[in-house]
Amino acid sequence: MSRRCELTGKGPMSGNNVSHAKNRTRRRFLPNLQDVTLQSDVLGRSFKFKISNAALRTVDHRGGLDAFMAKAKDAELSAEALKVKKEISKATAA
């Protein structure tokens, strides 16, 4: 299972632990991923995603899953999220 946000593509970053004596050892900074269920108003059903806390705040700020997917870039979305985006766009066009 990859530690990557399904909506924003945010993944692990690498860096250094720096001690008081300035000794440096490599470490990973993992994104704060949460399992959430988001409701689509257009489709009338919910979807489960593993997304970062920052992405969850962005979804709320934009006004829900439908508005977020309308502005989301296809390159950042996972395969599952792309299917949901296409379903939402078909439902809004019809």
Protein backbone atom coordinates (compact mmCIF):
# COMPACT_ATOMS: atom_id res chain seq x y z
CA MET A 1 0.00 0.00 0.00
CA SER A 2 1.52 3.32 -1.03
CA ARG A 3 1.57 6.26 1.31
CA ARG A 4 0.19 8.71 -1.23
CA CYS A 5 -2.84 11.00 -1.14
CA GLU A 6 -5.43 9.91 -3.71
CA LEU A 7 -6.64 13.45 -4.45
CA THR A 8 -3.50 15.60 -4.37
CA GLY A 9 -0.72 13.08 -5.04
CA LYS A 10 1.16 14.19 -1.94
CA GLY A 11 3.68 11.51 -0.92
CA PRO A 12 6.67 10.92 1.36
CA MET A 13 9.54 13.38 1.33
CA SER A 14 13.07 12.78 2.54
CA GLY A 15 15.31 14.91 4.67
CA ASN A 16 17.65 14.87 7.64
CA ASN A 17 17.33 14.48 11.37
CA VAL A 18 19.72 17.09 12.74
CA SER A 19 20.96 16.61 16.28
CA HIS A 20 22.18 19.34 18.61
CA ALA A 21 25.75 18.40 17.57
CA LYS A 22 24.69 18.87 13.90
CA ASN A 23 24.94 15.12 13.14
CA ARG A 24 22.73 14.37 10.16
CA THR A 25 20.89 11.09 9.53
CA ARG A 26 18.42 10.48 6.73
CA ARG A 27 14.70 10.25 7.50
CA ARG A 28 11.32 10.27 5.75
CA PHE A 29 8.54 12.78 6.26
CA LEU A 30 5.26 10.92 5.73
CA PRO A 31 2.01 12.73 4.80
CA ASN A 32 -0.80 12.77 7.35
CA LEU A 33 -3.14 10.31 5.59
CA GLN A 34 -6.67 9.59 6.79
CA ASP A 35 -9.31 7.11 5.60
CA VAL A 36 -12.40 9.23 4.86
CA THR A 37 -15.77 8.78 3.21
CA LEU A 38 -16.78 11.72 1.00
CA GLN A 39 -20.35 12.28 -0.22
CA SER A 40 -21.06 13.32 -3.81
CA ASP A 41 -24.14 15.55 -4.10
CA VAL A 42 -24.49 15.03 -7.86
CA LEU A 43 -24.28 11.22 -7.77
CA GLY A 44 -26.02 10.84 -4.42
CA ARG A 45 -23.56 8.31 -3.04
CA SER A 46 -20.36 8.22 -1.03
CA PHE A 47 -16.80 7.19 -1.85
CA LYS A 48 -13.93 6.03 0.38
CA PHE A 49 -10.54 7.65 -0.14
CA LYS A 50 -7.19 7.72 1.64
CA ILE A 51 -6.32 11.43 1.58
CA SER A 52 -4.09 13.86 3.43
CA ASN A 53 -5.43 16.23 6.05
CA ALA A 54 -4.55 19.18 3.81
CA ALA A 55 -6.60 17.67 0.96
CA LEU A 56 -9.57 17.21 3.29
CA ARG A 57 -9.41 20.89 4.22
CA THR A 58 -9.21 21.82 0.52
CA VAL A 59 -12.29 19.70 -0.28
CA ASP A 60 -14.20 21.53 2.47
CA HIS A 61 -12.93 24.91 1.30
CA ARG A 62 -13.99 24.34 -2.32
CA GLY A 63 -17.48 23.25 -1.28
CA GLY A 64 -17.45 19.47 -1.38
CA LEU A 65 -16.22 16.57 -3.47
CA ASP A 66 -17.99 17.64 -6.67
CA ALA A 67 -16.46 21.13 -6.70
CA PHE A 68 -13.03 19.75 -5.82
CA MET A 69 -13.11 17.21 -8.66
CA ALA A 70 -14.15 19.87 -11.15
CA LYS A 71 -10.92 21.81 -10.51
CA ALA A 72 -8.59 18.85 -9.83
CA LYS A 73 -5.81 18.00 -12.28
CA ASP A 74 -5.95 14.50 -13.76
CA ALA A 75 -2.21 13.95 -13.21
CA GLU A 76 -2.56 14.32 -9.43
CA LEU A 77 -5.56 11.99 -9.01
CA SER A 78 -5.30 8.25 -8.43
CA ALA A 79 -6.95 5.79 -10.82
CA GLU A 80 -9.91 5.35 -8.46
CA ALA A 81 -10.35 9.12 -8.08
CA LEU A 82 -10.20 9.56 -11.88
CA LYS A 83 -13.14 7.17 -12.27
CA VAL A 84 -15.12 9.17 -9.73
CA LYS A 85 -14.24 12.44 -11.50
CA LYS A 86 -15.46 11.08 -14.84
CA GLU A 87 -18.72 9.86 -13.25
CA ILE A 88 -19.31 13.29 -11.71
CA SER A 89 -18.54 15.14 -14.95
CA LYS A 90 -20.94 12.87 -16.89
CA ALA A 91 -23.69 13.42 -14.33
CA THR A 92 -23.30 17.21 -14.35
CA ALA A 93 -23.24 17.33 -18.18
CA ALA A 94 -26.47 15.33 -18.41
